[in-house]
Amino acid sequence: MLQHHRRRLTRIGGVERRPPRVLMRIVIVFLALFIAWYLITKVLTLFDNSFGKRMPTLLSIRSGNENVQVSLQGGAWQHGEIGLKLYSGDAISTKGNGDALLTFFDGSRLRLDQNTDVLIDRSDQYDQGRAYLTINIRSGRVWISTPIQNTYSGSILRTIQTKNFAASLPAATFALLSPSSITVLRATGIGIHLSLPSGTSDMIVGEGQSFSLSDDANKAIALGNDPYDFRDPITPLMLKDEFLASSYALLSQETGMGSEERSTAAVGSELSDLVLSSPSNHMHVTSKTISVSGRVNPRVALVLVNGQNIGIHKDRTFSVDMSLSKDITTSLHIEAQDLQGITLDAIDRTVFNDYVPSVEPVRFKSPVGSGQTLTTNQKEIEITGEAPANTVAILLNDYKLQLFKPGSRTWSYLASTALGNLVQGKNTYTVYAVDGDGNRSPARSIFILFSLTVPTTGTGGTTNEPPLKQNVPILPGSLSVTAPEAGSSTTTAEKEIVLEGTTSAETSSISVNGYTLSLFQPTKTTWNYIASVDLQTMKRGRNVYRIVSRNKDGEILDVLEYTINYKP
């Protein structure tokens, strides 16, 4: 069997040579390294924007907090907060009366008009002082002011992008921008450089000029028309724009560019980051609050007083009233921070609290007035009175009245032999009002001489009344006032007015400010009471009547307060 031999084609006149394997391997390794380098740089770009340091942007809300929203890294919209730090990829929008300011790392300030949406495309700082700031206006209008040349060391490229153009902003710029227009009030050099859509020439918009890209203008430029045909000088009517005028007034002072004097003041303020004008150290204070005020230089973004964020006014001053503690001394820590939260300066103060609280005393209405004495043979006496405004508790002989509601202007207390708080002989009842800070009013007292063998003198009532109880109302809502005006209050100029109302059929007695209505018959469902200046049951101003209905067992059915404002 013949052997089969593999035939190989060879070139005429020479021997076939294979490509060196080493060279092929080098090419493959090189390609792999190149692809790996490309992928790594793309991934790192996503995380750190081409290896740059992400710089924060500080959000300030001047008004309409509920109408200022932020979207962090493309997330859902949420309410913005004063002092919130935003970064590249974050967005902010305003609706309605929302008024928001953005302060960037280089000192540039951006104010958003109502119904405006902007995206922070880029806010990065690199080594050797290079930095980039790019803002995308998606809708609405913004006012931007950039700082003067010497306020930022290094080179920075500031860009405003819209769907129609990209604007490169120089130092000392004051400009109003929207997706289709730009108005330049100030800009260093030749002005703001605009990059228009591809296929058209770039252009410059200088100080005192405006440029508008309407739909017709876009079409005309696309057909070859000169973009400068749509650049015009600023007119007086443009300067009357409310947002433009208010933004210029607000931010020109903050950047120190309004006048030579303002620039000098700005340079002077650089000497100290934080200057405190009030309070002085070891100051004695005789009020419940103390004013903390001072001034900061433009480097300061936040002022904290005992950890509380204090707003900085447009003239770089701050002021706030701080509540003092009940301790003899109060410590204050005032701190100035930059945009990144780094403390630039701090001042500590200690003040002495010499405040003496003043709480008005209570007033007795029945059975006798403050300091007076009632002699009685009754075993049950209801003590009533008026409470000063802002009273949160009433203490009678150090017992806290359980039925008294904070803010109420009337109170009552039952003195009874059965309860053990009315005994044979002299009884002293001392009352205090307590305010929200726990301060007591001056004491007021009445005296009751109780003896079964003496007749009653004063306004104690009759001995046939059932024992009075201080229970929670059994039938709340059953007592009402129908005249002179239904509800809980009325205003009158008459010297005498009749209160009329309804009550439950279970009612056995009704009292008004401790006085039991003598004409009321048990089981009746209507009642009346005369409020009169001549009878001394009504005075000028505010009169509060505490109406109490009770059943045959002396239990409270319902309690009602009615106010008559007497204005003769």
Protein backbone atom coordinates (compact mmCIF):
# COMPACT_ATOMS: atom_id res chain seq x y z
CA MET A 1 0.00 0.00 0.00
CA LEU A 2 1.47 3.29 -1.00
CA GLN A 3 2.01 5.87 1.74
CA HIS A 4 0.22 9.17 1.37
CA HIS A 5 2.47 12.18 1.83
CA ARG A 6 1.09 15.64 2.84
CA ARG A 7 1.99 18.10 0.14
CA ARG A 8 2.92 21.67 0.99
CA LEU A 9 2.96 24.60 -1.35
CA THR A 10 6.15 26.56 -1.38
CA ARG A 11 7.17 29.75 -3.07
CA ILE A 12 9.29 29.34 -6.15
CA GLY A 13 12.87 30.11 -5.45
CA GLY A 14 12.58 30.15 -1.63
CA VAL A 15 11.47 28.41 1.55
CA GLU A 16 8.20 29.34 3.38
CA ARG A 17 8.67 31.21 6.69
CA ARG A 18 6.10 31.38 9.51
CA PRO A 19 5.55 34.66 11.45
CA PRO A 20 7.51 34.66 14.70
CA ARG A 21 5.30 33.56 17.60
CA VAL A 22 6.89 36.08 20.03
CA LEU A 23 5.79 39.04 17.89
CA MET A 24 2.21 37.80 17.82
CA ARG A 25 2.15 37.46 21.58
CA ILE A 26 3.47 41.00 22.06
CA VAL A 27 0.72 42.39 19.82
CA ILE A 28 -1.97 40.49 21.76
CA VAL A 29 -0.63 41.63 25.14
CA PHE A 30 -0.46 45.24 23.94
CA LEU A 31 -4.06 45.17 22.73
CA ALA A 32 -5.23 43.64 26.02
CA LEU A 33 -3.43 46.30 28.06
CA PHE A 34 -4.84 49.08 25.92
CA ILE A 35 -8.41 47.78 26.31
CA ALA A 36 -7.93 47.37 30.07
CA TRP A 37 -6.55 50.92 30.40
CA TYR A 38 -9.46 52.33 28.43
CA LEU A 39 -12.06 50.54 30.54
CA ILE A 40 -10.39 51.51 33.82
CA THR A 41 -10.25 55.19 32.88
CA LYS A 42 -13.95 55.15 31.92
CA VAL A 43 -14.94 53.55 35.24
CA LEU A 44 -12.83 55.98 37.26
CA THR A 45 -14.30 58.86 35.29
CA LEU A 46 -17.77 57.85 36.43
CA PHE A 47 -16.70 57.75 40.07
CA ASP A 48 -14.49 60.81 40.31
CA ASN A 49 -15.04 62.83 37.18
CA SER A 50 -11.66 62.17 35.58
CA PHE A 51 -9.81 61.95 38.90
CA GLY A 52 -10.95 65.38 40.01
CA LYS A 53 -11.98 66.23 43.58
CA ARG A 54 -15.72 66.72 43.79
CA MET A 55 -16.48 70.15 45.26
CA PRO A 56 -19.69 70.91 47.21
CA THR A 57 -22.34 73.48 46.34
CA LEU A 58 -24.22 75.07 49.24
CA LEU A 59 -28.01 75.51 49.00
CA SER A 60 -29.66 78.55 50.59
CA ILE A 61 -33.44 79.03 50.60
CA ARG A 62 -34.57 82.63 50.94
CA SER A 63 -38.33 81.90 50.89
CA GLY A 64 -40.90 79.29 49.89
CA ASN A 65 -39.12 76.34 51.52
CA GLU A 66 -41.84 73.93 50.47
CA ASN A 67 -41.42 74.98 46.82
CA VAL A 68 -37.68 74.31 46.59
CA GLN A 69 -36.83 70.70 45.68
CA VAL A 70 -33.65 68.77 45.01
CA SER A 71 -32.87 65.56 43.13
CA LEU A 72 -29.71 63.82 44.32
CA GLN A 73 -27.84 61.87 41.65
CA GLY A 74 -30.97 61.57 39.49
CA GLY A 75 -33.15 60.34 42.34
CA ALA A 76 -36.70 61.34 43.22
CA TRP A 77 -37.48 65.00 43.98
CA GLN A 78 -37.52 65.89 47.67
CA HIS A 79 -37.82 69.07 49.73
CA GLY A 80 -34.59 71.04 49.91
CA GLU A 81 -33.03 72.02 53.22
CA ILE A 82 -31.08 75.16 54.10
CA GLY A 83 -27.37 74.37 54.22
CA LEU A 84 -27.69 71.20 52.09
CA LYS A 85 -24.53 70.39 50.13
CA LEU A 86 -25.00 69.42 46.49
CA TYR A 87 -22.50 67.78 44.13
CA SER A 88 -22.05 66.94 40.46
CA GLY A 89 -25.14 65.12 39.18
CA ASP A 90 -27.53 66.80 41.63
CA ALA A 91 -30.42 68.99 40.44
CA ILE A 92 -32.55 71.71 42.02
CA SER A 93 -35.89 73.19 41.02
CA THR A 94 -38.18 75.97 42.23
CA LYS A 95 -41.95 76.22 41.99
CA GLY A 96 -44.40 78.95 42.98
CA ASN A 97 -42.71 81.38 45.37
CA GLY A 98 -39.54 79.30 45.76
CA ASP A 99 -36.44 81.50 46.01
CA ALA A 100 -33.15 79.59 46.15
CA LEU A 101 -29.45 80.45 45.96
CA LEU A 102 -26.51 78.20 45.12
CA THR A 103 -23.01 79.08 46.36
CA PHE A 104 -20.19 77.30 44.52
CA PHE A 105 -16.70 76.45 45.73
CA ASP A 106 -15.11 79.39 43.88
CA GLY A 107 -17.53 81.93 45.37
CA SER A 108 -19.83 82.10 42.34
CA ARG A 109 -23.50 82.61 43.23
CA LEU A 110 -26.50 81.37 41.23
CA ARG A 111 -30.04 82.52 42.01
CA LEU A 112 -32.99 80.56 40.60
CA ASP A 113 -36.10 82.35 39.39
CA GLN A 114 -39.52 80.82 40.01
CA ASN A 115 -40.30 77.64 38.03
CA THR A 116 -36.65 76.98 37.23
CA ASP A 117 -34.82 73.63 36.95
CA VAL A 118 -31.01 73.39 36.84
CA LEU A 119 -28.53 70.52 36.96
CA ILE A 120 -25.01 70.69 38.40
CA ASP A 121 -23.17 68.91 35.59
CA ARG A 122 -19.70 69.41 36.99
CA SER A 123 -18.10 70.87 40.10
CA ASP A 124 -14.55 69.58 40.30
CA GLN A 125 -11.14 70.79 41.40
CA TYR A 126 -7.86 69.29 40.21
CA ASP A 127 -4.21 69.50 41.21
CA GLN A 128 -2.23 72.53 40.11
CA GLY A 129 -5.29 74.73 40.73
CA ARG A 130 -7.35 73.65 37.73
CA ALA A 131 -11.15 73.58 38.28
CA TYR A 132 -14.35 73.16 36.30
CA LEU A 133 -17.86 74.38 37.04
CA THR A 134 -20.68 73.49 34.63
CA ILE A 135 -24.38 74.26 35.16
CA ASN A 136 -27.18 73.09 32.87
CA ILE A 137 -30.31 75.26 32.71
CA ARG A 138 -33.11 72.88 31.79
CA SER A 139 -35.94 75.39 32.24
CA GLY A 140 -36.60 78.83 33.72
CA ARG A 141 -34.08 81.61 34.38
CA VAL A 142 -31.03 82.10 36.58
CA TRP A 143 -28.96 85.05 37.68
CA ILE A 144 -25.26 84.34 38.12
CA SER A 145 -22.49 86.40 39.64
CA THR A 146 -18.87 85.23 39.53
CA PRO A 147 -16.23 86.59 41.92
CA ILE A 148 -13.52 89.05 41.01
CA GLN A 149 -10.29 87.66 39.58
CA ASN A 150 -8.23 87.57 42.79
CA THR A 151 -10.79 85.70 44.92
CA TYR A 152 -9.89 82.32 43.39
CA SER A 153 -6.33 81.07 42.98
CA GLY A 154 -5.74 78.88 39.93
CA SER A 155 -7.55 78.50 36.63
CA ILE A 156 -11.26 77.75 36.45
CA LEU A 157 -13.61 77.19 33.53
CA ARG A 158 -17.17 78.25 34.36
CA THR A 159 -19.81 77.15 31.85
CA ILE A 160 -23.57 77.57 31.63
CA GLN A 161 -25.14 75.07 29.24
CA THR A 162 -28.59 75.23 27.66
CA LYS A 163 -30.25 73.46 24.75
CA ASN A 164 -29.28 76.38 22.49
CA PHE A 165 -25.79 77.44 23.56
CA ALA A 166 -22.93 77.04 26.02
CA ALA A 167 -21.70 80.20 27.77
CA SER A 168 -18.16 80.49 29.16
CA LEU A 169 -18.21 82.94 32.07
CA PRO A 170 -15.20 85.09 32.99
CA ALA A 171 -14.55 86.61 36.41
CA ALA A 172 -16.70 89.49 37.69
CA THR A 173 -19.73 88.44 35.64
CA PHE A 174 -23.28 89.62 36.29
CA ALA A 175 -25.69 87.95 33.87
CA LEU A 176 -29.26 86.74 33.46
CA LEU A 177 -29.61 83.50 31.47
CA SER A 178 -32.37 81.25 30.18
CA PRO A 179 -32.29 78.35 27.69
CA SER A 180 -32.80 80.85 24.86
CA SER A 181 -31.35 84.18 26.01
CA ILE A 182 -28.57 85.93 27.87
CA THR A 183 -28.37 89.45 29.30
CA VAL A 184 -24.92 90.64 30.43
CA LEU A 185 -24.67 93.51 32.86
CA ARG A 186 -20.99 92.99 33.64
CA ALA A 187 -18.12 90.75 32.50
CA THR A 188 -14.36 91.19 32.50
CA GLY A 189 -12.41 91.27 29.25
CA ILE A 190 -14.33 91.23 25.99
CA GLY A 191 -17.38 89.53 27.55
CA ILE A 192 -19.04 86.10 27.59
CA HIS A 193 -18.10 83.59 24.91
CA LEU A 194 -21.07 81.69 23.43
CA SER A 195 -20.72 78.36 21.64
CA LEU A 196 -23.69 77.93 19.33
CA PRO A 197 -24.99 74.70 17.73
CA SER A 198 -22.67 72.93 15.29
CA GLY A 199 -22.43 74.48 11.86
CA THR A 200 -22.60 78.07 13.13
CA SER A 201 -19.94 80.48 14.35
CA ASP A 202 -19.26 81.24 17.99
CA MET A 203 -19.78 84.78 19.26
CA ILE A 204 -19.14 87.19 22.12
CA VAL A 205 -21.81 88.95 24.22
CA GLY A 206 -20.19 91.87 26.06
CA GLU A 207 -21.19 94.16 28.90
CA GLY A 208 -24.48 95.97 28.35
CA GLN A 209 -25.61 93.54 25.64
CA SER A 210 -28.29 90.87 25.32
CA PHE A 211 -28.68 87.95 22.92
CA SER A 212 -31.92 86.09 22.21
CA LEU A 213 -32.33 82.82 20.34
CA SER A 214 -36.00 82.56 19.40
CA ASP A 215 -37.21 79.82 17.04
CA ASP A 216 -37.02 82.25 14.12
CA ALA A 217 -33.50 83.28 15.12
CA ASN A 218 -32.37 79.65 15.30
CA LYS A 219 -33.74 78.98 11.83
CA ALA A 220 -32.14 82.11 10.42
CA ILE A 221 -28.73 81.27 11.92
CA ALA A 222 -28.99 77.69 10.62
CA LEU A 223 -29.53 79.14 7.13
CA GLY A 224 -26.34 81.16 7.39
CA ASN A 225 -27.38 84.46 8.95
CA ASP A 226 -24.86 86.19 11.19
CA PRO A 227 -25.62 85.46 14.91
CA TYR A 228 -24.56 89.02 15.75
CA ASP A 229 -27.73 90.19 13.99
CA PHE A 230 -29.62 88.97 17.08
CA ARG A 231 -27.41 90.74 19.64
CA ASP A 232 -28.84 93.99 20.99
CA PRO A 233 -27.98 96.60 23.62
CA ILE A 234 -29.73 96.35 26.99
CA THR A 235 -32.80 98.59 27.09
CA PRO A 236 -34.21 100.40 30.16
CA LEU A 237 -37.24 98.12 29.97
CA MET A 238 -35.02 95.07 30.50
CA LEU A 239 -33.56 96.63 33.64
CA LYS A 240 -37.07 96.89 35.12
CA ASP A 241 -37.36 93.10 35.19
CA GLU A 242 -38.14 92.35 38.86
CA PHE A 243 -35.99 89.21 39.08
CA LEU A 244 -33.03 90.90 37.38
CA ALA A 245 -33.25 94.02 39.55
CA SER A 246 -33.64 92.16 42.86
CA SER A 247 -30.85 89.70 41.99
CA TYR A 248 -28.47 92.50 41.07
CA ALA A 249 -29.24 94.35 44.32
CA LEU A 250 -28.81 91.17 46.36
CA LEU A 251 -25.69 89.64 44.85
CA SER A 252 -23.75 92.74 43.84
CA GLN A 253 -23.35 93.59 47.52
CA GLU A 254 -22.32 90.04 48.43
CA THR A 255 -19.58 89.92 45.79
CA GLY A 256 -18.27 93.36 46.72
CA MET A 257 -18.38 94.72 43.17
CA GLY A 258 -20.89 97.55 43.46
CA SER A 259 -18.38 100.32 44.09
CA GLU A 260 -14.79 101.02 45.06
CA GLU A 261 -15.86 101.47 48.67
CA ARG A 262 -17.62 98.10 48.65
CA SER A 263 -14.50 96.42 47.29
CA THR A 264 -12.39 98.04 49.98
CA ALA A 265 -14.79 96.80 52.65
CA ALA A 266 -14.62 93.30 51.20
CA VAL A 267 -10.82 93.32 51.32
CA GLY A 268 -10.92 94.61 54.90
CA SER A 269 -13.26 91.87 55.98
CA GLU A 270 -10.68 89.29 54.93
CA LEU A 271 -8.66 90.27 57.98
CA SER A 272 -10.96 88.24 60.25
CA ASP A 273 -13.29 85.38 59.39
CA LEU A 274 -15.59 86.03 62.38
CA VAL A 275 -16.18 89.28 64.27
CA LEU A 276 -18.63 89.13 67.21
CA SER A 277 -20.28 92.41 68.20
CA SER A 278 -22.67 90.99 70.83
CA PRO A 279 -22.68 89.70 73.54
CA SER A 280 -19.56 90.65 75.44
CA ASN A 281 -17.96 88.00 77.63
CA HIS A 282 -19.33 87.68 81.21
CA MET A 283 -22.26 89.91 80.31
CA HIS A 284 -25.21 90.04 82.77
CA VAL A 285 -28.61 89.48 81.13
CA THR A 286 -31.97 90.42 82.67
CA SER A 287 -34.23 88.99 79.92
CA LYS A 288 -35.13 85.44 78.82
CA THR A 289 -33.17 85.80 75.55
CA ILE A 290 -29.87 87.22 74.41
CA SER A 291 -28.97 88.70 71.03
CA VAL A 292 -25.97 87.18 69.25
CA SER A 293 -24.73 89.28 66.33
CA GLY A 294 -21.62 89.88 64.30
CA ARG A 295 -20.01 89.90 60.87
CA VAL A 296 -18.17 87.38 58.69
CA ASN A 297 -16.03 87.67 55.58
CA PRO A 298 -16.96 86.25 52.15
CA ARG A 299 -15.07 82.99 52.81
CA VAL A 300 -17.64 82.00 55.46
CA ALA A 301 -20.62 79.96 54.24
CA LEU A 302 -22.21 78.93 57.56
CA VAL A 303 -22.51 80.47 61.03
CA LEU A 304 -23.46 78.15 63.90
CA VAL A 305 -24.50 79.32 67.37
CA ASN A 306 -24.52 76.37 69.78
CA GLY A 307 -24.94 74.11 66.75
CA GLN A 308 -27.87 76.09 65.28
CA ASN A 309 -27.49 77.28 61.68
CA ILE A 310 -27.86 81.09 61.52
CA GLY A 311 -28.61 82.92 58.28
CA ILE A 312 -26.04 85.34 56.91
CA HIS A 313 -27.47 88.63 55.63
CA LYS A 314 -26.50 90.13 52.29
CA ASP A 315 -24.15 92.60 54.02
CA ARG A 316 -22.32 89.62 55.61
CA THR A 317 -23.79 90.26 59.06
CA PHE A 318 -25.76 87.84 61.21
CA SER A 319 -28.10 88.21 64.19
CA VAL A 320 -30.21 85.81 66.25
CA ASP A 321 -31.98 85.79 69.62
CA MET A 322 -31.03 82.76 71.72
CA SER A 323 -33.07 81.52 74.70
CA LEU A 324 -31.21 81.39 78.00
CA SER A 325 -31.21 78.32 80.19
CA LYS A 326 -32.45 78.42 83.78
CA ASP A 327 -28.88 78.03 85.00
CA ILE A 328 -27.00 80.97 86.45
CA THR A 329 -24.58 80.91 83.52
CA THR A 330 -25.12 80.20 79.83
CA SER A 331 -22.31 79.24 77.44
CA LEU A 332 -22.38 80.31 73.79
CA HIS A 333 -20.20 78.79 71.06
CA ILE A 334 -20.17 80.74 67.80
CA GLU A 335 -18.51 79.01 64.84
CA ALA A 336 -17.79 80.10 61.25
CA GLN A 337 -17.42 77.39 58.60
CA ASP A 338 -16.52 77.41 54.93
CA LEU A 339 -18.42 75.69 52.13
CA GLN A 340 -16.84 72.32 52.91
CA GLY A 341 -17.77 72.45 56.61
CA ILE A 342 -14.24 73.30 57.78
CA THR A 343 -14.17 75.58 60.84
CA LEU A 344 -12.44 78.86 59.98
CA ASP A 345 -12.90 80.59 63.33
CA ALA A 346 -14.77 80.11 66.63
CA ILE A 347 -15.59 82.33 69.61
CA ASP A 348 -16.86 81.30 73.07
CA ARG A 349 -18.86 83.54 75.37
CA THR A 350 -20.21 83.10 78.92
CA VAL A 351 -23.18 85.21 80.07
CA PHE A 352 -24.81 85.46 83.50
CA ASN A 353 -28.56 85.00 83.73
CA ASP A 354 -30.07 87.63 86.05
CA TYR A 355 -33.57 87.19 84.66
CA VAL A 356 -36.33 87.21 87.28
CA PRO A 357 -39.58 85.79 85.86
CA SER A 358 -42.77 87.74 86.38
CA VAL A 359 -46.05 85.81 86.58
CA GLU A 360 -49.28 87.67 87.33
CA PRO A 361 -51.15 86.52 90.44
CA VAL A 362 -54.48 84.73 90.35
CA ARG A 363 -57.74 86.44 91.24
CA PHE A 364 -60.42 85.04 93.55
CA LYS A 365 -64.03 85.50 92.43
CA SER A 366 -65.96 83.53 95.06
CA PRO A 367 -66.83 83.03 97.82
CA VAL A 368 -64.78 86.15 98.75
CA GLY A 369 -62.00 88.23 97.24
CA SER A 370 -58.27 87.86 97.80
CA GLY A 371 -57.26 88.48 101.43
CA GLN A 372 -60.87 88.36 102.67
CA THR A 373 -62.53 86.03 105.17
CA LEU A 374 -65.78 84.07 104.89
CA THR A 375 -67.60 82.90 108.02
CA THR A 376 -69.90 79.97 107.26
CA ASN A 377 -71.68 76.94 108.60
CA GLN A 378 -71.77 75.20 105.20
CA LYS A 379 -69.94 71.92 104.79
CA GLU A 380 -69.34 72.45 101.05
CA ILE A 381 -67.83 75.63 99.58
CA GLU A 382 -66.81 76.05 95.93
CA ILE A 383 -63.84 78.40 95.52
CA THR A 384 -63.47 79.95 92.03
CA GLY A 385 -61.22 82.48 90.41
CA GLU A 386 -59.49 83.79 87.29
CA ALA A 387 -56.10 82.66 85.99
CA PRO A 388 -53.62 84.95 84.22
CA ALA A 389 -52.82 84.39 80.56
CA ASN A 390 -50.43 81.56 79.64
CA THR A 391 -51.10 79.66 82.85
CA VAL A 392 -50.42 75.94 82.55
CA ALA A 393 -51.30 74.89 86.12
CA ILE A 394 -53.01 76.14 89.28
CA LEU A 395 -51.70 75.10 92.69
CA LEU A 396 -53.95 75.49 95.74
CA ASN A 397 -52.18 74.68 99.02
CA ASP A 398 -49.60 72.90 96.79
CA TYR A 399 -52.33 70.68 95.31
CA LYS A 400 -52.47 70.79 91.50
CA LEU A 401 -56.04 71.28 90.28
CA GLN A 402 -56.70 68.28 88.05
CA LEU A 403 -59.61 69.76 86.09
CA PHE A 404 -57.74 72.94 85.13
CA LYS A 405 -56.75 72.97 81.46
CA PRO A 406 -53.60 74.88 80.37
CA GLY A 407 -54.58 78.23 78.88
CA SER A 408 -57.97 78.34 80.61
CA ARG A 409 -58.86 81.64 82.28
CA THR A 410 -61.04 80.26 85.11
CA TRP A 411 -60.52 77.66 87.82
CA SER A 412 -62.48 76.13 90.69
CA TYR A 413 -61.81 74.10 93.86
CA LEU A 414 -64.14 72.31 96.28
CA ALA A 415 -63.60 72.79 100.01
CA SER A 416 -65.55 70.11 101.89
CA THR A 417 -65.66 68.62 105.36
CA ALA A 418 -66.18 65.22 103.73
CA LEU A 419 -62.92 65.64 101.77
CA GLY A 420 -61.03 66.81 104.85
CA ASN A 421 -59.95 70.13 103.33
CA LEU A 422 -62.52 72.14 105.34
CA VAL A 423 -62.20 71.79 109.10
CA GLN A 424 -63.60 73.42 112.19
CA GLY A 425 -62.07 76.84 112.72
CA LYS A 426 -59.90 78.90 110.38
CA ASN A 427 -59.02 77.47 106.97
CA THR A 428 -56.42 79.13 104.72
CA TYR A 429 -56.47 78.59 100.94
CA THR A 430 -53.36 79.85 99.10
CA VAL A 431 -53.25 79.80 95.33
CA TYR A 432 -50.37 80.06 92.77
CA ALA A 433 -50.39 80.22 88.97
CA VAL A 434 -47.60 78.36 87.17
CA ASP A 435 -46.36 79.35 83.68
CA GLY A 436 -44.83 77.17 80.96
CA ASP A 437 -41.31 77.61 82.38
CA GLY A 438 -42.37 76.41 85.82
CA ASN A 439 -42.33 79.88 87.39
CA ARG A 440 -44.84 80.59 90.17
CA SER A 441 -46.89 83.73 90.59
CA PRO A 442 -47.08 85.64 93.88
CA ALA A 443 -49.31 83.85 96.39
CA ARG A 444 -52.91 84.94 97.00
CA SER A 445 -55.04 83.65 99.87
CA ILE A 446 -58.56 83.67 101.31
CA PHE A 447 -59.75 82.50 104.73
CA ILE A 448 -62.83 80.50 105.67
CA LEU A 449 -63.99 80.35 109.30
CA PHE A 450 -66.10 77.21 109.54
CA SER A 451 -68.43 76.49 112.47
CA LEU A 452 -71.80 74.73 112.58
CA THR A 453 -73.01 77.18 115.23
CA VAL A 454 -72.51 80.45 113.31
CA PRO A 455 -74.63 81.92 110.48
CA THR A 456 -73.15 82.23 107.02
CA THR A 457 -71.85 85.67 105.97
CA GLY A 458 -70.74 86.38 102.43
CA THR A 459 -71.72 84.63 99.21
CA GLY A 460 -71.65 81.03 100.26
CA GLY A 461 -75.19 80.02 99.10
CA THR A 462 -77.79 78.00 101.04
CA THR A 463 -77.45 75.02 103.32
CA ASN A 464 -79.97 73.01 101.25
CA GLU A 465 -77.58 72.52 98.32
CA PRO A 466 -76.31 68.96 97.74
CA PRO A 467 -72.63 68.22 98.38
CA LEU A 468 -70.56 69.52 95.45
CA LYS A 469 -68.18 67.15 93.68
CA GLN A 470 -65.22 67.79 91.38
CA ASN A 471 -65.66 64.92 88.95
CA VAL A 472 -65.00 64.65 85.22
CA PRO A 473 -68.15 65.91 83.39
CA ILE A 474 -70.71 63.12 83.02
CA LEU A 475 -72.59 64.64 80.05
CA PRO A 476 -70.04 66.73 78.09
CA GLY A 477 -71.63 68.83 75.38
CA SER A 478 -75.03 69.01 77.09
CA LEU A 479 -74.50 72.63 78.20
CA SER A 480 -74.66 75.45 75.65
CA VAL A 481 -75.12 79.20 75.21
CA THR A 482 -77.76 80.25 72.66
CA ALA A 483 -77.89 84.03 73.23
CA PRO A 484 -76.75 86.72 72.73
CA GLU A 485 -74.64 84.67 70.30
CA ALA A 486 -74.31 80.92 70.08
CA GLY A 487 -70.87 79.46 70.50
CA SER A 488 -68.16 80.44 72.95
CA SER A 489 -67.87 84.24 72.71
CA THR A 490 -69.51 87.52 71.77
CA THR A 491 -68.69 91.23 71.67
CA THR A 492 -71.02 93.94 72.97
CA ALA A 493 -71.18 97.65 73.78
CA GLU A 494 -74.20 97.21 76.10
CA LYS A 495 -73.75 97.68 79.85
CA GLU A 496 -76.04 94.74 80.52
CA ILE A 497 -76.48 91.54 78.58
CA VAL A 498 -78.44 88.34 79.28
CA LEU A 499 -76.79 84.98 78.75
CA GLU A 500 -79.29 82.34 77.70
CA GLY A 501 -78.68 78.68 77.13
CA THR A 502 -79.79 75.08 77.25
CA THR A 503 -78.87 72.15 79.46
CA SER A 504 -79.72 68.52 80.14
CA ALA A 505 -83.03 67.49 81.78
CA GLU A 506 -80.94 65.87 84.51
CA THR A 507 -79.65 69.26 85.63
CA SER A 508 -80.46 70.16 89.22
CA SER A 509 -78.41 73.37 89.49
CA ILE A 510 -76.32 75.72 87.36
CA SER A 511 -73.57 78.01 88.61
CA VAL A 512 -71.81 80.86 86.80
CA ASN A 513 -68.38 81.75 88.15
CA GLY A 514 -69.32 80.07 91.42
CA TYR A 515 -72.70 81.81 91.78
CA THR A 516 -75.64 79.36 91.81
CA LEU A 517 -78.54 80.59 89.69
CA SER A 518 -81.42 81.05 92.17
CA LEU A 519 -84.18 81.17 89.52
CA PHE A 520 -83.18 77.94 87.82
CA GLN A 521 -85.57 75.06 88.52
CA PRO A 522 -84.36 71.42 88.52
CA THR A 523 -85.20 69.41 85.37
CA LYS A 524 -85.57 72.61 83.31
CA THR A 525 -83.64 72.58 80.06
CA THR A 526 -83.15 76.36 79.71
CA TRP A 527 -81.35 78.90 81.88
CA ASN A 528 -80.28 82.56 81.88
CA TYR A 529 -77.81 84.83 83.65
CA ILE A 530 -77.41 88.62 83.71
CA ALA A 531 -73.96 90.01 82.97
CA SER A 532 -74.07 93.62 84.09
CA VAL A 533 -71.63 96.43 84.72
CA ASP A 534 -73.85 97.86 87.44
CA LEU A 535 -74.11 94.45 89.15
CA GLN A 536 -70.33 94.14 88.90
CA THR A 537 -70.63 90.88 86.94
CA MET A 538 -69.09 92.45 83.83
CA LYS A 539 -66.20 94.85 83.32
CA ARG A 540 -64.54 96.60 80.41
CA GLY A 541 -62.56 94.24 78.20
CA ARG A 542 -62.54 90.45 78.32
CA ASN A 543 -64.95 88.65 80.68
CA VAL A 544 -64.86 84.87 81.02
CA TYR A 545 -67.86 83.04 82.53
CA ARG A 546 -67.39 79.49 83.76
CA ILE A 547 -70.76 77.76 83.62
CA VAL A 548 -71.21 74.47 85.49
CA SER A 549 -74.27 72.21 85.46
CA ARG A 550 -74.76 69.61 88.23
CA ASN A 551 -77.22 66.81 88.93
CA LYS A 552 -79.17 66.18 92.14
CA ASP A 553 -76.15 64.38 93.66
CA GLY A 554 -73.91 67.42 93.16
CA GLU A 555 -71.97 65.77 90.33
CA ILE A 556 -70.75 67.86 87.40
CA LEU A 557 -72.74 67.17 84.24
CA ASP A 558 -70.92 69.64 82.00
CA VAL A 559 -68.58 72.67 82.10
CA LEU A 560 -68.62 75.51 79.59
CA GLU A 561 -66.63 78.74 79.28
CA TYR A 562 -68.18 81.73 77.50
CA THR A 563 -66.39 85.02 76.81
CA ILE A 564 -67.98 88.47 76.57
CA ASN A 565 -65.78 91.22 75.18
CA TYR A 566 -67.26 94.45 76.55
CA LYS A 567 -66.23 97.43 74.41
CA PRO A 568 -68.37 100.47 75.29
